[in-house]
Amino acid sequence: MPDRYQAVLTATYASFLDSSVLYPATGKDAKPVLQDAQKQKIATLVNTGPSSLNTTLAACGQVLSNAQNGQYSSKAALESDVSRNTPLLSAQVSALGSLFEGFKREEDAWVKQGATLSWDARTSAVTAQRAVAAQFVAAVQGIQNSVAADFQAAIKAYGPTPTPKPKPAIDWEGQREALLDAALDGALFVAIDTALLAA
C-alpha cells in the first residue's frame, strides 16, 4: 500500500487540528489559539507542493512498494532511492519542529495583549496549545522513524532468489557393483548409500 504513510499523516494532522485549544475555553466568541496565518504555514509544510511532507511520504511509500514487489534491478538502485528520500524527510520533520518554535514569539505577544485580567487565562491556553503542537511533532517523528525502519528492513531483505543446491550425483554403477559383490560374498547386511535411498 504505497499511501500508507500518507494515511497516517492525514489522520495525525486532522487530530492535531481537532485538538487545537480555544480561547476563551467556552462561549460563542471562542477562537483557536493557533492563528490562521500559522495554520497556513503548517498546512503548506504538511500538505502543499512538491516539498511537503505528504509528497515525500508518498515517494517513500512508493519506494517500499517497489521493493516489496521486486521492481528494483539491484540493491544499489534501492539504496539510491532510500538515500534520496531519507534526508529530505528528515529535513521536513525538522522544519516542522522549527516552525512551531518560531510561533512562540507571536504566542508570547498574544499573551501580553491580554493585560492583567486575562494574562493567566491566555498563558494557560498557550501552554496547552504548545503541548498539542509537541504531540503533533512527536507523532510526525514517529512516522519518520517507521519509514527509516521499513527502509532498513527492505534493504536487508533485498537479494536474489537463492539458488537451490544441486543434488549430489549418484554413482549408480558403483552401487550396483557393490550390491552384487555383497550378494556373491554372502553378506547378510548391505549398507546402502543415503543418496540412493533418497532417490
N, C-alpha and C. Protein backbone atom coordinates (compact mmCIF):
# COMPACT_ATOMS: atom_id res chain seq x y z
N MET A 1 0.85 -1.19 0.00
CA MET A 1 0.00 0.00 0.00
C MET A 1 0.88 1.24 0.00
N PRO A 2 1.14 1.82 -1.17
CA PRO A 2 2.08 2.95 -1.27
C PRO A 2 1.69 4.18 -0.45
N ASP A 3 0.38 4.35 -0.18
CA ASP A 3 -0.06 5.56 0.51
C ASP A 3 -0.23 5.37 2.01
N ARG A 4 0.37 4.32 2.56
CA ARG A 4 0.17 4.04 3.99
C ARG A 4 0.67 5.15 4.89
N TYR A 5 1.83 5.73 4.55
CA TYR A 5 2.38 6.80 5.39
C TYR A 5 1.54 8.07 5.26
N GLN A 6 1.06 8.33 4.06
CA GLN A 6 0.20 9.50 3.87
C GLN A 6 -1.08 9.37 4.70
N ALA A 7 -1.62 8.17 4.76
CA ALA A 7 -2.84 7.95 5.53
C ALA A 7 -2.61 8.24 7.01
N VAL A 8 -1.46 7.81 7.51
CA VAL A 8 -1.15 8.07 8.93
C VAL A 8 -0.94 9.57 9.15
N LEU A 9 -0.25 10.23 8.24
CA LEU A 9 -0.04 11.67 8.36
C LEU A 9 -1.36 12.42 8.32
N THR A 10 -2.23 12.05 7.42
CA THR A 10 -3.53 12.71 7.31
C THR A 10 -4.33 12.60 8.60
N ALA A 11 -4.35 11.40 9.17
CA ALA A 11 -5.07 11.19 10.43
C ALA A 11 -4.43 11.97 11.57
N THR A 12 -3.10 11.99 11.59
CA THR A 12 -2.38 12.71 12.65
C THR A 12 -2.61 14.22 12.55
N TYR A 13 -2.59 14.72 11.34
CA TYR A 13 -2.80 16.15 11.10
C TYR A 13 -4.23 16.56 11.47
N ALA A 14 -5.19 15.74 11.10
CA ALA A 14 -6.59 16.02 11.43
C ALA A 14 -6.79 16.04 12.95
N SER A 15 -6.15 15.11 13.63
CA SER A 15 -6.24 15.06 15.09
C SER A 15 -5.64 16.31 15.72
N PHE A 16 -4.53 16.77 15.15
CA PHE A 16 -3.90 18.00 15.65
C PHE A 16 -4.84 19.19 15.51
N LEU A 17 -5.45 19.33 14.35
CA LEU A 17 -6.37 20.46 14.13
C LEU A 17 -7.58 20.37 15.05
N ASP A 18 -8.09 19.14 15.22
CA ASP A 18 -9.26 18.95 16.09
C ASP A 18 -8.95 19.24 17.55
N SER A 19 -7.67 19.11 17.91
CA SER A 19 -7.26 19.30 19.31
C SER A 19 -6.83 20.74 19.61
N SER A 20 -6.92 21.60 18.62
CA SER A 20 -6.49 22.99 18.83
C SER A 20 -7.24 23.61 20.01
N VAL A 21 -6.51 24.34 20.82
CA VAL A 21 -7.06 24.94 22.04
C VAL A 21 -7.83 26.20 21.69
N LEU A 22 -8.99 26.36 22.32
CA LEU A 22 -9.82 27.54 22.10
C LEU A 22 -9.64 28.55 23.23
N TYR A 23 -9.75 29.82 22.88
CA TYR A 23 -9.71 30.88 23.90
C TYR A 23 -10.79 31.90 23.57
N PRO A 24 -11.63 32.24 24.53
CA PRO A 24 -11.77 31.54 25.81
C PRO A 24 -12.24 30.10 25.60
N ALA A 25 -12.10 29.31 26.64
CA ALA A 25 -12.38 27.88 26.51
C ALA A 25 -13.84 27.60 26.15
N THR A 26 -14.74 28.48 26.54
CA THR A 26 -16.16 28.30 26.25
C THR A 26 -16.74 29.62 25.74
N GLY A 27 -17.92 29.53 25.18
CA GLY A 27 -18.61 30.74 24.74
C GLY A 27 -18.60 30.89 23.24
N LYS A 28 -19.52 31.72 22.75
CA LYS A 28 -19.66 31.90 21.30
C LYS A 28 -18.48 32.64 20.68
N ASP A 29 -17.71 33.35 21.49
CA ASP A 29 -16.57 34.10 20.97
C ASP A 29 -15.26 33.31 21.00
N ALA A 30 -15.33 32.04 21.37
CA ALA A 30 -14.12 31.22 21.47
C ALA A 30 -13.48 31.05 20.10
N LYS A 31 -12.18 31.23 20.04
CA LYS A 31 -11.43 31.08 18.81
C LYS A 31 -10.16 30.27 19.07
N PRO A 32 -9.65 29.58 18.06
CA PRO A 32 -8.42 28.80 18.26
C PRO A 32 -7.25 29.71 18.60
N VAL A 33 -6.42 29.25 19.52
CA VAL A 33 -5.19 29.99 19.85
C VAL A 33 -4.28 30.02 18.62
N LEU A 34 -4.30 28.93 17.86
CA LEU A 34 -3.50 28.86 16.63
C LEU A 34 -4.09 29.82 15.60
N GLN A 35 -3.31 30.79 15.19
CA GLN A 35 -3.79 31.82 14.27
C GLN A 35 -3.89 31.27 12.84
N ASP A 36 -4.73 31.94 12.04
CA ASP A 36 -4.94 31.49 10.66
C ASP A 36 -3.64 31.48 9.85
N ALA A 37 -2.83 32.52 10.05
CA ALA A 37 -1.56 32.59 9.32
C ALA A 37 -0.64 31.44 9.71
N GLN A 38 -0.67 31.07 10.99
CA GLN A 38 0.13 29.94 11.47
C GLN A 38 -0.39 28.63 10.88
N LYS A 39 -1.70 28.49 10.86
CA LYS A 39 -2.31 27.28 10.27
C LYS A 39 -1.90 27.11 8.82
N GLN A 40 -1.86 28.23 8.10
CA GLN A 40 -1.50 28.17 6.69
C GLN A 40 -0.06 27.70 6.50
N LYS A 41 0.83 28.18 7.34
CA LYS A 41 2.23 27.76 7.25
C LYS A 41 2.36 26.26 7.52
N ILE A 42 1.62 25.78 8.50
CA ILE A 42 1.66 24.35 8.83
C ILE A 42 1.09 23.53 7.67
N ALA A 43 -0.04 24.00 7.13
CA ALA A 43 -0.69 23.29 6.03
C ALA A 43 0.23 23.21 4.82
N THR A 44 0.96 24.28 4.56
CA THR A 44 1.88 24.29 3.42
C THR A 44 2.97 23.24 3.60
N LEU A 45 3.54 23.18 4.79
CA LEU A 45 4.62 22.21 5.04
C LEU A 45 4.10 20.78 5.04
N VAL A 46 2.89 20.59 5.56
CA VAL A 46 2.36 19.24 5.66
C VAL A 46 1.79 18.73 4.34
N ASN A 47 1.03 19.58 3.64
CA ASN A 47 0.23 19.07 2.52
C ASN A 47 0.47 19.68 1.14
N THR A 48 1.06 20.85 1.07
CA THR A 48 1.05 21.58 -0.19
C THR A 48 2.39 21.54 -0.90
N GLY A 49 2.33 21.22 -2.19
CA GLY A 49 3.51 21.37 -3.02
C GLY A 49 4.46 20.20 -3.02
N PRO A 50 5.45 20.27 -3.91
CA PRO A 50 6.41 19.16 -4.07
C PRO A 50 7.35 18.98 -2.89
N SER A 51 7.46 19.98 -2.02
CA SER A 51 8.36 19.85 -0.87
C SER A 51 7.60 19.60 0.43
N SER A 52 6.36 19.13 0.33
CA SER A 52 5.57 18.88 1.53
C SER A 52 5.86 17.49 2.09
N LEU A 53 5.54 17.33 3.35
CA LEU A 53 5.68 16.02 3.99
C LEU A 53 4.83 14.98 3.28
N ASN A 54 3.65 15.37 2.89
CA ASN A 54 2.74 14.46 2.21
C ASN A 54 3.35 13.90 0.93
N THR A 55 3.98 14.77 0.16
CA THR A 55 4.60 14.35 -1.10
C THR A 55 5.79 13.43 -0.85
N THR A 56 6.60 13.77 0.14
CA THR A 56 7.77 12.95 0.45
C THR A 56 7.36 11.58 0.97
N LEU A 57 6.33 11.55 1.82
CA LEU A 57 5.87 10.26 2.34
C LEU A 57 5.26 9.40 1.23
N ALA A 58 4.66 10.05 0.25
CA ALA A 58 4.14 9.30 -0.90
C ALA A 58 5.30 8.64 -1.65
N ALA A 59 6.38 9.38 -1.82
CA ALA A 59 7.56 8.83 -2.50
C ALA A 59 8.17 7.69 -1.69
N CYS A 60 8.23 7.85 -0.37
CA CYS A 60 8.77 6.79 0.49
C CYS A 60 7.92 5.52 0.40
N GLY A 61 6.61 5.71 0.41
CA GLY A 61 5.72 4.56 0.30
C GLY A 61 5.88 3.84 -1.03
N GLN A 62 6.11 4.60 -2.09
CA GLN A 62 6.30 4.00 -3.41
C GLN A 62 7.59 3.21 -3.48
N VAL A 63 8.64 3.74 -2.84
CA VAL A 63 9.92 3.02 -2.81
C VAL A 63 9.74 1.66 -2.14
N LEU A 64 9.05 1.64 -1.01
CA LEU A 64 8.85 0.38 -0.30
C LEU A 64 7.94 -0.57 -1.07
N SER A 65 6.93 -0.01 -1.72
CA SER A 65 6.04 -0.85 -2.53
C SER A 65 6.83 -1.49 -3.67
N ASN A 66 7.68 -0.71 -4.31
CA ASN A 66 8.50 -1.24 -5.40
C ASN A 66 9.45 -2.33 -4.89
N ALA A 67 10.02 -2.09 -3.71
CA ALA A 67 10.94 -3.08 -3.14
C ALA A 67 10.22 -4.39 -2.83
N GLN A 68 9.02 -4.28 -2.27
CA GLN A 68 8.26 -5.47 -1.91
C GLN A 68 7.79 -6.24 -3.14
N ASN A 69 7.60 -5.52 -4.24
CA ASN A 69 7.14 -6.16 -5.47
C ASN A 69 8.29 -6.59 -6.38
N GLY A 70 9.52 -6.47 -5.87
CA GLY A 70 10.68 -6.92 -6.63
C GLY A 70 10.98 -6.11 -7.87
N GLN A 71 10.68 -4.80 -7.83
CA GLN A 71 10.85 -3.97 -9.03
C GLN A 71 12.21 -3.29 -9.11
N TYR A 72 13.08 -3.52 -8.14
CA TYR A 72 14.44 -2.96 -8.21
C TYR A 72 15.38 -3.98 -8.84
N SER A 73 16.11 -3.53 -9.84
CA SER A 73 17.01 -4.44 -10.55
C SER A 73 18.28 -4.73 -9.74
N SER A 74 18.56 -3.89 -8.76
CA SER A 74 19.76 -4.11 -7.93
C SER A 74 19.54 -3.49 -6.55
N LYS A 75 20.32 -3.97 -5.61
CA LYS A 75 20.26 -3.41 -4.26
C LYS A 75 20.72 -1.96 -4.27
N ALA A 76 21.68 -1.64 -5.13
CA ALA A 76 22.19 -0.27 -5.24
C ALA A 76 21.10 0.70 -5.68
N ALA A 77 20.22 0.25 -6.56
CA ALA A 77 19.12 1.10 -7.03
C ALA A 77 18.15 1.40 -5.88
N LEU A 78 17.86 0.39 -5.08
CA LEU A 78 17.01 0.58 -3.90
C LEU A 78 17.66 1.54 -2.92
N GLU A 79 18.94 1.32 -2.64
CA GLU A 79 19.66 2.19 -1.70
C GLU A 79 19.73 3.62 -2.20
N SER A 80 19.79 3.81 -3.49
CA SER A 80 19.83 5.15 -4.07
C SER A 80 18.53 5.89 -3.80
N ASP A 81 17.40 5.22 -3.99
CA ASP A 81 16.11 5.86 -3.73
C ASP A 81 15.92 6.14 -2.24
N VAL A 82 16.39 5.22 -1.42
CA VAL A 82 16.32 5.43 0.03
C VAL A 82 17.16 6.64 0.43
N SER A 83 18.36 6.72 -0.13
CA SER A 83 19.27 7.82 0.19
C SER A 83 18.74 9.17 -0.29
N ARG A 84 17.95 9.15 -1.34
CA ARG A 84 17.39 10.40 -1.86
C ARG A 84 16.23 10.90 -0.99
N ASN A 85 15.43 9.99 -0.47
CA ASN A 85 14.24 10.38 0.28
C ASN A 85 14.47 10.58 1.77
N THR A 86 15.40 9.84 2.35
CA THR A 86 15.61 9.92 3.80
C THR A 86 16.04 11.31 4.27
N PRO A 87 17.05 11.94 3.67
CA PRO A 87 17.45 13.28 4.13
C PRO A 87 16.34 14.33 3.94
N LEU A 88 15.58 14.20 2.88
CA LEU A 88 14.50 15.14 2.62
C LEU A 88 13.43 15.04 3.69
N LEU A 89 13.06 13.83 4.03
CA LEU A 89 12.05 13.62 5.07
C LEU A 89 12.56 14.16 6.40
N SER A 90 13.81 13.87 6.72
CA SER A 90 14.40 14.35 7.97
C SER A 90 14.38 15.88 8.03
N ALA A 91 14.72 16.52 6.92
CA ALA A 91 14.74 17.99 6.88
C ALA A 91 13.34 18.56 7.07
N GLN A 92 12.35 17.92 6.49
CA GLN A 92 10.98 18.42 6.60
C GLN A 92 10.44 18.25 8.02
N VAL A 93 10.76 17.14 8.66
CA VAL A 93 10.32 16.93 10.04
C VAL A 93 10.99 17.96 10.96
N SER A 94 12.27 18.22 10.72
CA SER A 94 12.97 19.24 11.50
C SER A 94 12.36 20.62 11.26
N ALA A 95 11.99 20.89 10.01
CA ALA A 95 11.38 22.17 9.68
C ALA A 95 10.04 22.35 10.39
N LEU A 96 9.31 21.26 10.55
CA LEU A 96 8.03 21.33 11.27
C LEU A 96 8.25 21.73 12.72
N GLY A 97 9.25 21.11 13.36
CA GLY A 97 9.57 21.48 14.74
C GLY A 97 10.01 22.93 14.85
N SER A 98 10.82 23.37 13.90
CA SER A 98 11.30 24.76 13.90
C SER A 98 10.15 25.74 13.68
N LEU A 99 9.18 25.33 12.88
CA LEU A 99 8.03 26.20 12.62
C LEU A 99 7.28 26.50 13.90
N PHE A 100 7.03 25.48 14.70
CA PHE A 100 6.33 25.70 15.96
C PHE A 100 7.17 26.51 16.95
N GLU A 101 8.47 26.29 16.92
CA GLU A 101 9.36 27.10 17.77
C GLU A 101 9.25 28.57 17.38
N GLY A 102 9.12 28.83 16.09
CA GLY A 102 9.02 30.19 15.60
C GLY A 102 7.72 30.87 16.00
N PHE A 103 6.71 30.09 16.33
CA PHE A 103 5.43 30.66 16.75
C PHE A 103 5.48 31.23 18.16
N LYS A 104 6.47 30.87 18.93
CA LYS A 104 6.49 31.23 20.35
C LYS A 104 6.50 32.74 20.57
N ARG A 105 7.24 33.47 19.74
CA ARG A 105 7.27 34.93 19.90
C ARG A 105 5.88 35.52 19.67
N GLU A 106 5.18 35.04 18.66
CA GLU A 106 3.83 35.52 18.39
C GLU A 106 2.88 35.15 19.53
N GLU A 107 3.04 33.94 20.06
CA GLU A 107 2.19 33.50 21.17
C GLU A 107 2.44 34.33 22.41
N ASP A 108 3.72 34.62 22.70
CA ASP A 108 4.05 35.44 23.87
C ASP A 108 3.47 36.85 23.72
N ALA A 109 3.52 37.38 22.51
CA ALA A 109 2.96 38.71 22.26
C ALA A 109 1.45 38.70 22.46
N TRP A 110 0.81 37.61 22.03
CA TRP A 110 -0.64 37.50 22.20
C TRP A 110 -1.02 37.45 23.68
N VAL A 111 -0.22 36.75 24.48
CA VAL A 111 -0.47 36.71 25.93
C VAL A 111 -0.39 38.12 26.53
N LYS A 112 0.62 38.88 26.13
CA LYS A 112 0.82 40.22 26.68
C LYS A 112 -0.32 41.18 26.30
N GLN A 113 -0.97 40.91 25.19
CA GLN A 113 -2.09 41.75 24.78
C GLN A 113 -3.28 41.61 25.72
N GLY A 114 -3.28 40.56 26.50
CA GLY A 114 -4.41 40.30 27.38
C GLY A 114 -4.42 41.16 28.62
N ALA A 115 -3.35 41.91 28.87
CA ALA A 115 -3.25 42.75 30.08
C ALA A 115 -3.44 41.90 31.32
N THR A 116 -3.81 42.52 32.41
CA THR A 116 -3.82 41.82 33.69
C THR A 116 -4.96 40.82 33.83
N LEU A 117 -6.14 41.18 33.39
CA LEU A 117 -7.32 40.37 33.65
C LEU A 117 -7.28 39.00 32.96
N SER A 118 -6.73 38.92 31.75
CA SER A 118 -6.74 37.65 31.03
C SER A 118 -5.35 37.04 30.86
N TRP A 119 -4.37 37.61 31.56
CA TRP A 119 -2.99 37.14 31.40
C TRP A 119 -2.87 35.65 31.71
N ASP A 120 -3.36 35.24 32.87
CA ASP A 120 -3.23 33.84 33.28
C ASP A 120 -4.00 32.91 32.35
N ALA A 121 -5.18 33.34 31.95
CA ALA A 121 -6.01 32.50 31.08
C ALA A 121 -5.34 32.33 29.72
N ARG A 122 -4.78 33.40 29.19
CA ARG A 122 -4.10 33.32 27.90
C ARG A 122 -2.82 32.48 28.02
N THR A 123 -2.11 32.64 29.11
CA THR A 123 -0.90 31.84 29.32
C THR A 123 -1.24 30.35 29.36
N SER A 124 -2.32 30.01 30.05
CA SER A 124 -2.74 28.61 30.13
C SER A 124 -3.14 28.07 28.76
N ALA A 125 -3.81 28.92 27.99
CA ALA A 125 -4.24 28.50 26.66
C ALA A 125 -3.03 28.25 25.75
N VAL A 126 -2.06 29.14 25.82
CA VAL A 126 -0.85 28.98 25.00
C VAL A 126 -0.07 27.75 25.43
N THR A 127 0.03 27.53 26.72
CA THR A 127 0.73 26.35 27.23
C THR A 127 0.07 25.07 26.72
N ALA A 128 -1.26 25.05 26.76
CA ALA A 128 -1.99 23.88 26.29
C ALA A 128 -1.80 23.69 24.78
N GLN A 129 -1.80 24.79 24.03
CA GLN A 129 -1.62 24.69 22.58
C GLN A 129 -0.22 24.20 22.23
N ARG A 130 0.76 24.63 22.98
CA ARG A 130 2.13 24.17 22.75
C ARG A 130 2.26 22.67 23.02
N ALA A 131 1.50 22.18 24.00
CA ALA A 131 1.52 20.75 24.29
C ALA A 131 0.91 19.96 23.13
N VAL A 132 -0.16 20.49 22.55
CA VAL A 132 -0.79 19.85 21.39
C VAL A 132 0.19 19.83 20.21
N ALA A 133 0.89 20.95 20.02
CA ALA A 133 1.87 21.04 18.93
C ALA A 133 3.00 20.04 19.15
N ALA A 134 3.46 19.90 20.38
CA ALA A 134 4.55 18.97 20.68
C ALA A 134 4.13 17.53 20.39
N GLN A 135 2.89 17.22 20.71
CA GLN A 135 2.38 15.86 20.42
C GLN A 135 2.33 15.61 18.92
N PHE A 136 1.95 16.63 18.18
CA PHE A 136 1.87 16.51 16.73
C PHE A 136 3.27 16.28 16.13
N VAL A 137 4.22 17.07 16.57
CA VAL A 137 5.60 16.93 16.07
C VAL A 137 6.14 15.54 16.43
N ALA A 138 5.87 15.09 17.65
CA ALA A 138 6.33 13.77 18.08
C ALA A 138 5.70 12.67 17.23
N ALA A 139 4.43 12.83 16.89
CA ALA A 139 3.75 11.83 16.06
C ALA A 139 4.35 11.80 14.65
N VAL A 140 4.67 12.96 14.11
CA VAL A 140 5.30 13.00 12.78
C VAL A 140 6.70 12.40 12.84
N GLN A 141 7.41 12.64 13.93
CA GLN A 141 8.72 12.00 14.10
C GLN A 141 8.57 10.49 14.17
N GLY A 142 7.47 10.03 14.76
CA GLY A 142 7.19 8.59 14.80
C GLY A 142 7.00 8.01 13.41
N ILE A 143 6.32 8.77 12.54
CA ILE A 143 6.16 8.33 11.15
C ILE A 143 7.52 8.25 10.48
N GLN A 144 8.34 9.26 10.71
CA GLN A 144 9.70 9.27 10.14
C GLN A 144 10.48 8.04 10.60
N ASN A 145 10.39 7.71 11.87
CA ASN A 145 11.10 6.54 12.40
C ASN A 145 10.59 5.24 11.76
N SER A 146 9.28 5.18 11.52
CA SER A 146 8.71 3.99 10.88
C SER A 146 9.24 3.83 9.46
N VAL A 147 9.32 4.95 8.75
CA VAL A 147 9.85 4.92 7.38
C VAL A 147 11.30 4.43 7.39
N ALA A 148 12.10 4.98 8.31
CA ALA A 148 13.51 4.60 8.39
C ALA A 148 13.66 3.11 8.68
N ALA A 149 12.85 2.60 9.61
CA ALA A 149 12.92 1.17 9.95
C ALA A 149 12.50 0.31 8.78
N ASP A 150 11.46 0.73 8.08
CA ASP A 150 10.99 -0.04 6.92
C ASP A 150 12.02 -0.02 5.79
N PHE A 151 12.66 1.13 5.61
CA PHE A 151 13.72 1.21 4.59
C PHE A 151 14.84 0.23 4.90
N GLN A 152 15.29 0.21 6.15
CA GLN A 152 16.38 -0.67 6.54
C GLN A 152 15.99 -2.14 6.37
N ALA A 153 14.75 -2.45 6.70
CA ALA A 153 14.28 -3.83 6.55
C ALA A 153 14.24 -4.23 5.08
N ALA A 154 13.82 -3.29 4.22
CA ALA A 154 13.76 -3.58 2.78
C ALA A 154 15.15 -3.81 2.20
N ILE A 155 16.10 -2.98 2.63
CA ILE A 155 17.48 -3.14 2.16
C ILE A 155 18.05 -4.48 2.63
N LYS A 156 17.78 -4.79 3.88
CA LYS A 156 18.29 -6.04 4.44
C LYS A 156 17.69 -7.25 3.74
N ALA A 157 16.41 -7.13 3.38
CA ALA A 157 15.72 -8.26 2.77
C ALA A 157 16.04 -8.41 1.29
N TYR A 158 16.62 -7.36 0.70
CA TYR A 158 16.87 -7.42 -0.74
C TYR A 158 17.93 -8.47 -1.06
N GLY A 159 17.70 -9.19 -2.10
CA GLY A 159 18.70 -10.18 -2.53
C GLY A 159 18.10 -11.07 -3.59
N PRO A 160 18.94 -11.68 -4.40
CA PRO A 160 18.43 -12.58 -5.43
C PRO A 160 17.81 -13.82 -4.80
N THR A 161 16.92 -14.45 -5.51
CA THR A 161 16.32 -15.69 -5.03
C THR A 161 17.41 -16.74 -4.90
N PRO A 162 17.53 -17.34 -3.72
CA PRO A 162 18.61 -18.31 -3.54
C PRO A 162 18.50 -19.49 -4.50
N THR A 163 19.63 -19.85 -5.07
CA THR A 163 19.68 -20.97 -6.00
C THR A 163 19.74 -22.28 -5.20
N PRO A 164 18.82 -23.19 -5.46
CA PRO A 164 18.86 -24.45 -4.70
C PRO A 164 20.15 -25.22 -4.98
N LYS A 165 20.63 -25.83 -3.94
CA LYS A 165 21.86 -26.63 -4.10
C LYS A 165 21.56 -27.85 -4.95
N PRO A 166 22.44 -28.13 -5.90
CA PRO A 166 22.20 -29.33 -6.73
C PRO A 166 22.35 -30.60 -5.90
N LYS A 167 21.51 -31.54 -6.22
CA LYS A 167 21.61 -32.82 -5.52
C LYS A 167 22.89 -33.53 -5.95
N PRO A 168 23.54 -34.18 -5.02
CA PRO A 168 24.78 -34.88 -5.39
C PRO A 168 24.50 -36.01 -6.38
N ALA A 169 25.40 -36.12 -7.31
CA ALA A 169 25.25 -37.19 -8.32
C ALA A 169 25.39 -38.55 -7.65
N ILE A 170 24.57 -39.49 -8.09
CA ILE A 170 24.60 -40.84 -7.52
C ILE A 170 25.38 -41.77 -8.46
N ASP A 171 26.31 -42.47 -7.87
CA ASP A 171 27.10 -43.43 -8.65
C ASP A 171 26.32 -44.73 -8.74
N TRP A 172 25.36 -44.74 -9.70
CA TRP A 172 24.51 -45.91 -9.82
C TRP A 172 25.31 -47.19 -10.13
N GLU A 173 26.26 -47.05 -10.99
CA GLU A 173 27.05 -48.21 -11.38
C GLU A 173 27.84 -48.75 -10.19
N GLY A 174 28.41 -47.83 -9.43
CA GLY A 174 29.18 -48.25 -8.25
C GLY A 174 28.29 -48.93 -7.23
N GLN A 175 27.09 -48.42 -7.05
CA GLN A 175 26.16 -49.02 -6.11
C GLN A 175 25.76 -50.44 -6.56
N ARG A 176 25.51 -50.58 -7.87
CA ARG A 176 25.12 -51.90 -8.39
C ARG A 176 26.24 -52.92 -8.18
N GLU A 177 27.45 -52.46 -8.47
CA GLU A 177 28.58 -53.37 -8.31
C GLU A 177 28.75 -53.77 -6.84
N ALA A 178 28.57 -52.82 -5.93
CA ALA A 178 28.72 -53.11 -4.51
C ALA A 178 27.68 -54.10 -4.03
N LEU A 179 26.44 -53.95 -4.51
CA LEU A 179 25.38 -54.87 -4.11
C LEU A 179 25.63 -56.28 -4.65
N LEU A 180 26.10 -56.35 -5.91
CA LEU A 180 26.41 -57.66 -6.50
C LEU A 180 27.54 -58.33 -5.73
N ASP A 181 28.58 -57.58 -5.43
CA ASP A 181 29.72 -58.15 -4.69
C ASP A 181 29.28 -58.64 -3.33
N ALA A 182 28.42 -57.85 -2.67
CA ALA A 182 27.97 -58.24 -1.34
C ALA A 182 27.14 -59.52 -1.40
N ALA A 183 26.29 -59.61 -2.45
CA ALA A 183 25.45 -60.80 -2.59
C ALA A 183 26.30 -62.03 -2.87
N LEU A 184 27.31 -61.88 -3.73
CA LEU A 184 28.19 -63.00 -4.06
C LEU A 184 29.01 -63.43 -2.86
N ASP A 185 29.33 -62.46 -1.99
CA ASP A 185 30.12 -62.79 -0.81
C ASP A 185 29.26 -63.33 0.32
N GLY A 186 27.94 -63.38 0.12
CA GLY A 186 27.04 -63.91 1.14
C GLY A 186 26.84 -62.99 2.31
N ALA A 187 26.97 -61.67 2.10
CA ALA A 187 26.78 -60.73 3.20
C ALA A 187 25.33 -60.70 3.62
N LEU A 188 25.11 -60.73 4.94
CA LEU A 188 23.75 -60.68 5.47
C LEU A 188 23.17 -59.26 5.44
N PHE A 189 24.02 -58.26 5.63
CA PHE A 189 23.58 -56.86 5.66
C PHE A 189 24.42 -56.06 4.68
N VAL A 190 23.76 -55.20 3.95
CA VAL A 190 24.47 -54.35 2.98
C VAL A 190 24.13 -52.89 3.27
N ALA A 191 25.15 -52.06 3.44
CA ALA A 191 24.95 -50.62 3.65
C ALA A 191 24.65 -49.96 2.31
N ILE A 192 23.53 -49.24 2.24
CA ILE A 192 23.15 -48.57 1.00
C ILE A 192 23.37 -47.08 1.17
N ASP A 193 23.95 -46.43 0.19
CA ASP A 193 24.23 -45.00 0.20
C ASP A 193 22.94 -44.23 0.45
N THR A 194 23.00 -43.22 1.34
CA THR A 194 21.82 -42.43 1.67
C THR A 194 21.29 -41.68 0.44
N ALA A 195 22.15 -41.32 -0.48
CA ALA A 195 21.72 -40.64 -1.71
C ALA A 195 20.85 -41.59 -2.53
N LEU A 196 21.22 -42.86 -2.53
CA LEU A 196 20.44 -43.84 -3.27
C LEU A 196 19.07 -44.03 -2.64
N LEU A 197 19.03 -44.05 -1.32
CA LEU A 197 17.77 -44.18 -0.60
C LEU A 197 16.85 -42.98 -0.87
N ALA A 198 17.46 -41.78 -0.89
CA ALA A 198 16.68 -40.57 -1.10
C ALA A 198 16.12 -40.52 -2.51
N ALA A 199 16.87 -41.09 -3.47
CA ALA A 199 16.44 -41.07 -4.87
C ALA A 199 15.29 -42.06 -5.07
